[in-house]
Amino acid sequence: MVARVESKGLKRAKELYQDRPQRVKELKAEGKKVIGYLHLYPVLELLTAADLVPYAMLGDMREPITKADSCLPTIVCPFLRSIMDIGLKGRYDFLDGVVMAHMCEVGEKLAHVWRTYIHLPYSFFLDTPHATYDSAVKQHKEQLKVFKKSLESSTGKEITLEKLREAIKLHNEQRALVRELYDLRKPDPPLISGVETLQVLIATMSIPVEEGNDLLRQVISDVKVRRDGGPEKKPARLLLWGSMIDDTALVEVIESVGANLVMDDIWVGSSAYFSDVEVTEDPLDGLAYRYLMKLKCPRTFRGSAATDKKRDYMKDLEKRFGYLRDYARDWNVNGIILETIRYCDIHGYEVPGLRDYLDSVGLPNAYVEHDYSEAALAPIRTRIQGFVEVLG
């Protein structure tokens, strides 16, 4: 009999996932400052270089929204309403400040509503451009200069070139480690499940970057030698594309109906980690380019693939979604789940074109929409179970 190898890294990640503020509250007691950030676009390297702890702001699909209705309409993104709701309930009171960016129209409004209703020592809004023209990159760099000065003024500390370069190095190292973690999902069966992966990533987004890197190394080392307790071989190997997954419940549903979730294209997933910051003479150039040009999110307009005045629909789709075909090939995916949260316009509007593209390259897909609540899990299960059965 092969002895079971306990994964200390996975155990620690699960503990952090279940009590996210645990570690940063300990750091606050030691004198550290914790800054909440929302979505992909706040530039984490600047926070780290300022000796601040970046902390991903997530919602809580298990908590009924009872207070956010006073300041956000009910017909906007329930994920963002959830963040506002738990903020109003005091569950983000340990933060020393927040940094939000123009992720979408409702996300942009949330930044200003938050500042009005929830008073923290520091607040900054990064008006990230929505296009990938050269002029937009220059505009983004200018905003990063303002952000840098704001952090220096708030902390009383200069963000030197050396500090910024070291922060970029640390965050690029983290991205490389996450990609290595994702490589462990390529075998059949994968060495680590989708649920475990999500727990690790949420844990990593809840602690300082150096500790996150140590956690990732431990998890990778443990998973490589695990002999049992890992995923079983299942007929469906799925990729999950979507607007927001910050709770393992939906992933558990997927992996309970004869499927392994082996790849994703979501914020708390590959989207945040699959592109590095290039080393440039002025670090702000590399940061501006990475956070605008390299991140994959439908909130950014990437222009037409046409070389003349006549647009080619399929070429445009290839330009926008071709990376998903690469993911499907490299992770041996045989089905794709498209997931959107109700009222998430930027992802919802993307679905028709994305389905056209996936159909054109022969990738089976299914679409689910939900209201970011536990009540949505049962119908989602039925929909995904039917899709998996069709895959055979």
Protein backbone atom coordinates (compact mmCIF):
# COMPACT_ATOMS: atom_id res chain seq x y z
CA MET A 1 0.00 0.00 0.00
CA VAL A 2 1.29 3.45 -0.95
CA ALA A 3 1.31 5.85 1.96
CA ARG A 4 -0.83 8.93 1.59
CA VAL A 5 1.21 12.09 1.18
CA GLU A 6 -0.44 14.98 2.99
CA SER A 7 -0.17 18.28 1.18
CA LYS A 8 0.76 20.94 3.69
CA GLY A 9 0.51 23.56 0.96
CA LEU A 10 -3.04 22.60 -0.03
CA LYS A 11 -4.06 22.46 3.62
CA ARG A 12 -2.69 25.95 4.23
CA ALA A 13 -4.37 27.26 1.07
CA LYS A 14 -7.71 25.85 2.20
CA GLU A 15 -7.32 27.50 5.61
CA LEU A 16 -6.62 30.86 4.00
CA TYR A 17 -9.51 30.40 1.56
CA GLN A 18 -11.92 29.71 4.40
CA ASP A 19 -10.75 32.71 6.46
CA ARG A 20 -9.35 35.21 3.98
CA PRO A 21 -8.69 38.17 6.34
CA GLN A 22 -6.84 35.93 8.81
CA ARG A 23 -3.28 36.63 7.68
CA VAL A 24 -3.62 40.31 6.77
CA LYS A 25 -5.14 41.06 10.16
CA GLU A 26 -2.03 39.52 11.72
CA LEU A 27 0.13 41.72 9.50
CA LYS A 28 -1.88 44.81 10.47
CA ALA A 29 -1.19 44.03 14.11
CA GLU A 30 2.51 44.12 13.18
CA GLY A 31 2.14 47.56 11.59
CA LYS A 32 1.60 46.67 7.91
CA LYS A 33 -0.91 48.55 5.76
CA VAL A 34 -3.42 46.55 3.70
CA ILE A 35 -4.93 47.93 0.49
CA GLY A 36 -7.93 46.30 -1.13
CA TYR A 37 -8.04 46.09 -4.92
CA LEU A 38 -10.75 45.08 -7.35
CA HIS A 39 -10.34 43.08 -10.57
CA LEU A 40 -7.34 42.86 -12.91
CA TYR A 41 -6.41 46.48 -13.49
CA PRO A 42 -5.05 48.01 -10.27
CA VAL A 43 -1.26 47.80 -10.66
CA LEU A 44 -0.17 45.55 -7.81
CA GLU A 45 3.55 46.16 -8.29
CA LEU A 46 3.15 49.78 -7.22
CA LEU A 47 1.39 48.71 -4.02
CA THR A 48 4.10 46.15 -3.24
CA ALA A 49 6.86 48.69 -3.99
CA ALA A 50 5.20 51.07 -1.51
CA ASP A 51 5.45 48.34 1.18
CA LEU A 52 1.67 47.86 1.13
CA VAL A 53 -0.10 44.50 1.12
CA PRO A 54 -2.46 44.08 -1.88
CA TYR A 55 -5.66 42.24 -0.92
CA ALA A 56 -8.16 41.11 -3.56
CA MET A 57 -11.70 42.31 -2.85
CA LEU A 58 -14.21 39.54 -3.48
CA GLY A 59 -17.93 39.18 -2.86
CA ASP A 60 -19.84 36.50 -0.97
CA MET A 61 -22.46 34.59 -2.93
CA ARG A 62 -23.61 32.91 0.31
CA GLU A 63 -24.47 36.23 1.99
CA PRO A 64 -27.87 37.77 1.14
CA ILE A 65 -27.59 41.33 -0.12
CA THR A 66 -29.49 43.50 2.36
CA LYS A 67 -27.68 46.84 2.55
CA ALA A 68 -26.29 47.56 -0.91
CA ASP A 69 -29.78 48.26 -2.29
CA SER A 70 -29.59 51.65 -0.59
CA CYS A 71 -26.82 52.82 -2.94
CA LEU A 72 -26.76 50.50 -5.98
CA PRO A 73 -29.75 49.52 -8.16
CA THR A 74 -30.85 45.89 -8.13
CA ILE A 75 -30.43 45.61 -11.91
CA VAL A 76 -26.64 45.82 -11.88
CA CYS A 77 -23.96 43.16 -11.37
CA PRO A 78 -24.75 41.16 -8.20
CA PHE A 79 -21.05 40.44 -7.66
CA LEU A 80 -20.27 44.14 -7.35
CA ARG A 81 -23.41 44.68 -5.27
CA SER A 82 -22.18 41.91 -2.98
CA ILE A 83 -18.83 43.64 -2.49
CA MET A 84 -20.62 46.88 -1.61
CA ASP A 85 -22.98 45.01 0.70
CA ILE A 86 -20.32 43.30 2.75
CA GLY A 87 -18.35 46.54 2.82
CA LEU A 88 -21.36 48.32 4.32
CA LYS A 89 -21.64 45.49 6.85
CA GLY A 90 -18.11 46.20 8.06
CA ARG A 91 -16.42 43.09 6.74
CA TYR A 92 -13.75 45.16 4.96
CA ASP A 93 -13.05 47.44 7.91
CA PHE A 94 -9.54 45.99 8.28
CA LEU A 95 -8.48 47.67 5.02
CA ASP A 96 -6.35 50.81 5.15
CA GLY A 97 -7.52 51.82 1.70
CA VAL A 98 -8.81 50.69 -1.68
CA VAL A 99 -7.66 50.95 -5.28
CA MET A 100 -10.25 50.44 -8.00
CA ALA A 101 -10.01 50.81 -11.75
CA HIS A 102 -12.35 51.31 -14.69
CA MET A 103 -13.13 47.62 -15.14
CA CYS A 104 -16.64 48.27 -16.49
CA GLU A 105 -19.26 51.00 -16.20
CA VAL A 106 -20.76 49.62 -12.98
CA GLY A 107 -17.29 48.92 -11.58
CA GLU A 108 -16.33 52.53 -12.30
CA LYS A 109 -19.44 53.79 -10.48
CA LEU A 110 -18.77 51.43 -7.57
CA ALA A 111 -15.40 53.07 -6.95
CA HIS A 112 -17.05 56.43 -6.37
CA VAL A 113 -20.05 55.04 -4.46
CA TRP A 114 -17.65 53.16 -2.18
CA ARG A 115 -15.69 56.33 -1.42
CA THR A 116 -18.94 58.13 -0.59
CA TYR A 117 -20.35 55.52 1.77
CA ILE A 118 -17.27 53.79 3.20
CA HIS A 119 -14.55 56.04 4.56
CA LEU A 120 -11.04 54.60 4.59
CA PRO A 121 -7.73 56.45 5.05
CA TYR A 122 -6.78 55.99 1.38
CA SER A 123 -8.70 55.70 -1.87
CA PHE A 124 -7.61 55.86 -5.51
CA PHE A 125 -9.42 55.37 -8.80
CA LEU A 126 -7.35 54.35 -11.84
CA ASP A 127 -9.20 55.33 -15.00
CA THR A 128 -7.70 52.58 -17.16
CA PRO A 129 -8.22 53.20 -20.91
CA HIS A 130 -10.49 50.85 -22.84
CA ALA A 131 -8.57 50.72 -26.13
CA THR A 132 -5.16 49.41 -27.14
CA TYR A 133 -3.90 52.26 -29.30
CA ASP A 134 -0.40 53.62 -28.70
CA SER A 135 -1.94 56.83 -27.38
CA ALA A 136 -3.90 54.83 -24.82
CA VAL A 137 -0.71 53.20 -23.51
CA LYS A 138 0.86 56.65 -23.12
CA GLN A 139 -2.26 57.87 -21.32
CA HIS A 140 -2.12 54.85 -19.03
CA LYS A 141 1.51 55.53 -18.14
CA GLU A 142 0.62 59.10 -17.19
CA GLN A 143 -2.08 57.80 -14.87
CA LEU A 144 0.40 55.40 -13.28
CA LYS A 145 2.65 58.37 -12.54
CA VAL A 146 -0.24 60.01 -10.69
CA PHE A 147 -0.98 56.74 -8.87
CA LYS A 148 2.69 56.44 -7.83
CA LYS A 149 2.76 60.00 -6.47
CA SER A 150 -0.50 59.37 -4.61
CA LEU A 151 0.97 56.30 -2.90
CA GLU A 152 4.15 58.16 -2.01
CA SER A 153 2.13 61.00 -0.52
CA SER A 154 -0.05 58.61 1.47
CA THR A 155 2.77 56.45 2.85
CA GLY A 156 5.48 59.07 3.14
CA LYS A 157 7.83 56.69 1.35
CA GLU A 158 9.51 57.12 -2.03
CA ILE A 159 8.90 54.36 -4.56
CA THR A 160 12.39 54.13 -5.99
CA LEU A 161 13.31 52.44 -9.27
CA GLU A 162 15.01 49.67 -7.30
CA LYS A 163 11.88 49.00 -5.22
CA LEU A 164 9.66 49.00 -8.30
CA ARG A 165 11.95 46.65 -10.21
CA GLU A 166 12.08 44.27 -7.26
CA ALA A 167 8.27 44.33 -6.99
CA ILE A 168 7.95 43.54 -10.70
CA LYS A 169 10.38 40.66 -10.26
CA LEU A 170 8.35 39.24 -7.34
CA HIS A 171 5.02 39.48 -9.16
CA ASN A 172 6.45 38.00 -12.36
CA GLU A 173 7.82 35.17 -10.26
CA GLN A 174 4.34 34.61 -8.88
CA ARG A 175 2.85 34.53 -12.36
CA ALA A 176 5.43 31.96 -13.45
CA LEU A 177 4.61 29.80 -10.42
CA VAL A 178 0.88 29.94 -11.19
CA ARG A 179 1.57 28.87 -14.77
CA GLU A 180 3.61 25.98 -13.39
CA LEU A 181 0.65 25.09 -11.16
CA TYR A 182 -1.64 25.11 -14.20
CA ASP A 183 0.75 22.76 -16.02
CA LEU A 184 -0.09 20.18 -13.35
CA ARG A 185 -3.64 20.15 -14.77
CA LYS A 186 -2.47 18.99 -18.20
CA PRO A 187 -2.12 15.23 -17.40
CA ASP A 188 -5.16 12.96 -17.55
CA PRO A 189 -6.27 12.85 -14.82
CA PRO A 190 -4.96 16.24 -13.70
CA LEU A 191 -2.75 16.25 -10.63
CA ILE A 192 -4.75 19.03 -8.98
CA SER A 193 -8.48 19.70 -9.18
CA GLY A 194 -10.26 22.87 -10.19
CA VAL A 195 -11.56 23.31 -6.63
CA GLU A 196 -8.05 23.02 -5.18
CA THR A 197 -6.65 25.40 -7.78
CA LEU A 198 -9.25 28.05 -7.00
CA GLN A 199 -8.56 27.75 -3.27
CA VAL A 200 -4.83 28.21 -3.90
CA LEU A 201 -5.35 31.28 -6.08
CA ILE A 202 -7.77 32.98 -3.69
CA ALA A 203 -5.35 32.25 -0.84
CA THR A 204 -2.51 33.74 -2.89
CA MET A 205 -4.56 36.90 -3.52
CA SER A 206 -5.09 37.26 0.24
CA ILE A 207 -1.45 37.44 1.42
CA PRO A 208 1.73 39.38 0.54
CA VAL A 209 3.36 38.41 -2.74
CA GLU A 210 6.44 36.83 -1.07
CA GLU A 211 4.25 34.60 1.10
CA GLY A 212 2.09 33.78 -1.89
CA ASN A 213 5.16 32.64 -3.80
CA ASP A 214 6.21 30.41 -0.90
CA LEU A 215 2.71 28.94 -0.74
CA LEU A 216 2.70 28.22 -4.48
CA ARG A 217 6.11 26.51 -4.28
CA GLN A 218 4.85 24.32 -1.43
CA VAL A 219 1.67 23.39 -3.27
CA ILE A 220 3.51 22.57 -6.50
CA SER A 221 6.07 20.47 -4.65
CA ASP A 222 3.38 18.57 -2.74
CA VAL A 223 1.11 17.97 -5.73
CA LYS A 224 3.93 16.61 -7.87
CA VAL A 225 4.47 13.74 -5.42
CA ARG A 226 0.91 13.07 -4.26
CA ARG A 227 -0.02 9.42 -4.65
CA ASP A 228 -3.72 9.52 -3.85
CA GLY A 229 -6.40 12.02 -3.02
CA GLY A 230 -6.07 13.77 -6.38
CA PRO A 231 -8.68 13.99 -9.15
CA GLU A 232 -10.01 10.87 -10.84
CA LYS A 233 -9.97 10.38 -14.59
CA LYS A 234 -13.27 11.64 -16.07
CA PRO A 235 -14.63 11.72 -19.62
CA ALA A 236 -14.98 15.52 -19.82
CA ARG A 237 -12.02 17.91 -19.62
CA LEU A 238 -13.51 21.39 -19.43
CA LEU A 239 -12.37 24.98 -19.76
CA LEU A 240 -14.34 27.62 -17.87
CA TRP A 241 -14.62 31.10 -19.42
CA GLY A 242 -16.52 33.74 -17.56
CA SER A 243 -17.11 36.92 -15.69
CA MET A 244 -16.39 36.06 -12.07
CA ILE A 245 -15.84 32.91 -10.01
CA ASP A 246 -14.72 33.56 -6.43
CA ASP A 247 -16.36 30.61 -4.64
CA THR A 248 -15.58 26.93 -5.08
CA ALA A 249 -19.28 26.04 -5.10
CA LEU A 250 -19.71 26.43 -8.86
CA VAL A 251 -16.48 24.55 -9.59
CA GLU A 252 -17.62 21.77 -7.24
CA VAL A 253 -20.82 21.52 -9.30
CA ILE A 254 -18.82 21.15 -12.51
CA GLU A 255 -16.51 18.52 -11.06
CA SER A 256 -19.37 16.53 -9.55
CA VAL A 257 -21.01 15.64 -12.88
CA GLY A 258 -18.31 13.63 -14.61
CA ALA A 259 -15.91 16.44 -15.52
CA ASN A 260 -12.50 17.74 -14.58
CA LEU A 261 -12.04 21.49 -14.81
CA VAL A 262 -8.54 21.68 -16.27
CA MET A 263 -8.31 25.24 -17.57
CA ASP A 264 -10.02 28.61 -17.18
CA ASP A 265 -10.19 32.16 -18.48
CA ILE A 266 -11.44 34.10 -15.45
CA TRP A 267 -10.11 36.88 -13.23
CA VAL A 268 -9.34 34.61 -10.25
CA GLY A 269 -7.45 32.34 -12.60
CA SER A 270 -5.34 32.46 -15.73
CA SER A 271 -6.38 35.99 -16.70
CA ALA A 272 -4.42 37.46 -13.79
CA TYR A 273 -1.29 35.37 -14.23
CA PHE A 274 -0.63 34.40 -17.83
CA SER A 275 1.18 37.59 -18.89
CA ASP A 276 4.31 39.11 -17.36
CA VAL A 277 5.58 42.66 -17.07
CA GLU A 278 8.41 43.22 -19.53
CA VAL A 279 11.68 44.58 -18.16
CA THR A 280 11.96 48.16 -19.45
CA GLU A 281 14.33 51.03 -18.67
CA ASP A 282 11.44 52.91 -17.10
CA PRO A 283 9.41 50.28 -15.19
CA LEU A 284 6.23 52.30 -15.74
CA ASP A 285 6.48 51.56 -19.47
CA GLY A 286 6.39 47.82 -18.85
CA LEU A 287 3.59 48.16 -16.31
CA ALA A 288 1.45 50.39 -18.53
CA TYR A 289 1.84 48.01 -21.46
CA ARG A 290 1.13 44.84 -19.50
CA TYR A 291 -1.94 46.08 -17.65
CA LEU A 292 -3.53 47.53 -20.78
CA MET A 293 -2.31 45.50 -23.75
CA LYS A 294 -1.65 42.02 -22.38
CA LEU A 295 -4.57 41.40 -20.03
CA LYS A 296 -7.44 39.57 -21.68
CA CYS A 297 -10.82 40.98 -20.72
CA PRO A 298 -13.81 41.99 -22.85
CA ARG A 299 -13.78 45.44 -21.22
CA THR A 300 -10.89 46.35 -23.56
CA PHE A 301 -11.52 47.04 -27.26
CA ARG A 302 -8.80 45.51 -29.42
CA GLY A 303 -9.78 46.86 -32.79
CA SER A 304 -10.34 45.12 -36.09
CA ALA A 305 -8.08 42.51 -37.66
CA ALA A 306 -8.81 43.97 -41.10
CA THR A 307 -5.93 45.35 -43.14
CA ASP A 308 -8.26 47.47 -45.26
CA LYS A 309 -11.60 49.17 -44.81
CA LYS A 310 -13.50 45.90 -45.18
CA ARG A 311 -13.82 44.01 -41.90
CA ASP A 312 -13.61 40.24 -41.76
CA TYR A 313 -15.83 38.88 -38.97
CA MET A 314 -14.01 35.56 -38.55
CA LYS A 315 -10.60 37.21 -38.56
CA ASP A 316 -11.81 39.56 -35.84
CA LEU A 317 -13.01 36.58 -33.81
CA GLU A 318 -9.66 34.84 -34.26
CA LYS A 319 -7.87 37.95 -33.05
CA ARG A 320 -10.08 38.17 -29.98
CA PHE A 321 -10.45 34.52 -29.03
CA GLY A 322 -7.65 32.57 -30.69
CA TYR A 323 -5.86 32.09 -27.37
CA LEU A 324 -8.77 29.92 -26.17
CA ARG A 325 -8.12 27.44 -28.97
CA ASP A 326 -4.49 27.31 -27.81
CA TYR A 327 -5.62 26.66 -24.24
CA ALA A 328 -7.96 23.89 -25.43
CA ARG A 329 -5.13 22.25 -27.37
CA ASP A 330 -2.50 22.49 -24.64
CA TRP A 331 -4.80 21.31 -21.84
CA ASN A 332 -6.58 18.70 -24.01
CA VAL A 333 -9.98 20.33 -23.47
CA ASN A 334 -13.04 18.73 -25.07
CA GLY A 335 -15.71 21.19 -23.88
CA ILE A 336 -16.03 24.81 -22.80
CA ILE A 337 -18.41 26.32 -20.25
CA LEU A 338 -19.29 29.95 -20.86
CA GLU A 339 -20.44 31.55 -17.60
CA THR A 340 -21.76 35.02 -16.97
CA ILE A 341 -23.21 36.74 -13.95
CA ARG A 342 -26.57 38.35 -14.65
CA TYR A 343 -26.27 41.99 -15.76
CA CYS A 344 -22.56 41.61 -16.58
CA ASP A 345 -22.86 43.38 -19.91
CA ILE A 346 -19.23 43.23 -20.99
CA HIS A 347 -19.18 39.42 -20.81
CA GLY A 348 -22.77 38.94 -21.90
CA TYR A 349 -22.24 40.91 -25.11
CA GLU A 350 -19.15 38.81 -25.82
CA VAL A 351 -20.99 35.47 -25.76
CA PRO A 352 -22.57 35.45 -29.27
CA GLY A 353 -19.28 36.15 -31.02
CA LEU A 354 -17.40 33.76 -28.77
CA ARG A 355 -19.87 30.96 -29.48
CA ASP A 356 -19.54 31.63 -33.21
CA TYR A 357 -15.77 31.30 -32.87
CA LEU A 358 -15.85 28.13 -30.77
CA ASP A 359 -18.33 26.52 -33.18
CA SER A 360 -16.09 27.44 -36.11
CA VAL A 361 -13.08 25.66 -34.59
CA GLY A 362 -15.08 22.64 -33.42
CA LEU A 363 -15.04 23.24 -29.67
CA PRO A 364 -18.34 22.14 -28.01
CA ASN A 365 -19.66 24.77 -25.61
CA ALA A 366 -22.52 25.50 -23.25
CA TYR A 367 -23.68 28.80 -21.80
CA VAL A 368 -24.90 29.39 -18.24
CA GLU A 369 -26.04 32.62 -16.61
CA HIS A 370 -26.64 33.01 -12.88
CA ASP A 371 -27.43 35.61 -10.24
CA TYR A 372 -24.39 35.01 -7.98
CA SER A 373 -26.31 33.09 -5.31
CA GLU A 374 -26.46 29.60 -3.87
CA ALA A 375 -29.96 29.23 -5.31
CA ALA A 376 -28.44 29.29 -8.81
CA LEU A 377 -26.34 26.16 -8.26
CA ALA A 378 -29.08 23.55 -8.85
CA PRO A 379 -30.11 24.77 -12.34
CA ILE A 380 -26.44 25.23 -13.25
CA ARG A 381 -25.79 21.63 -12.26
CA THR A 382 -28.62 20.40 -14.49
CA ARG A 383 -27.35 22.43 -17.45
CA ILE A 384 -23.72 21.31 -17.10
CA GLN A 385 -24.66 17.69 -16.46
CA GLY A 386 -26.60 17.63 -19.72
CA PHE A 387 -23.64 19.16 -21.56
CA VAL A 388 -21.20 16.61 -20.12
CA GLU A 389 -23.51 13.76 -21.14
CA VAL A 390 -23.55 15.06 -24.70
CA LEU A 391 -19.75 15.10 -24.70
CA GLY A 392 -19.94 11.37 -23.94
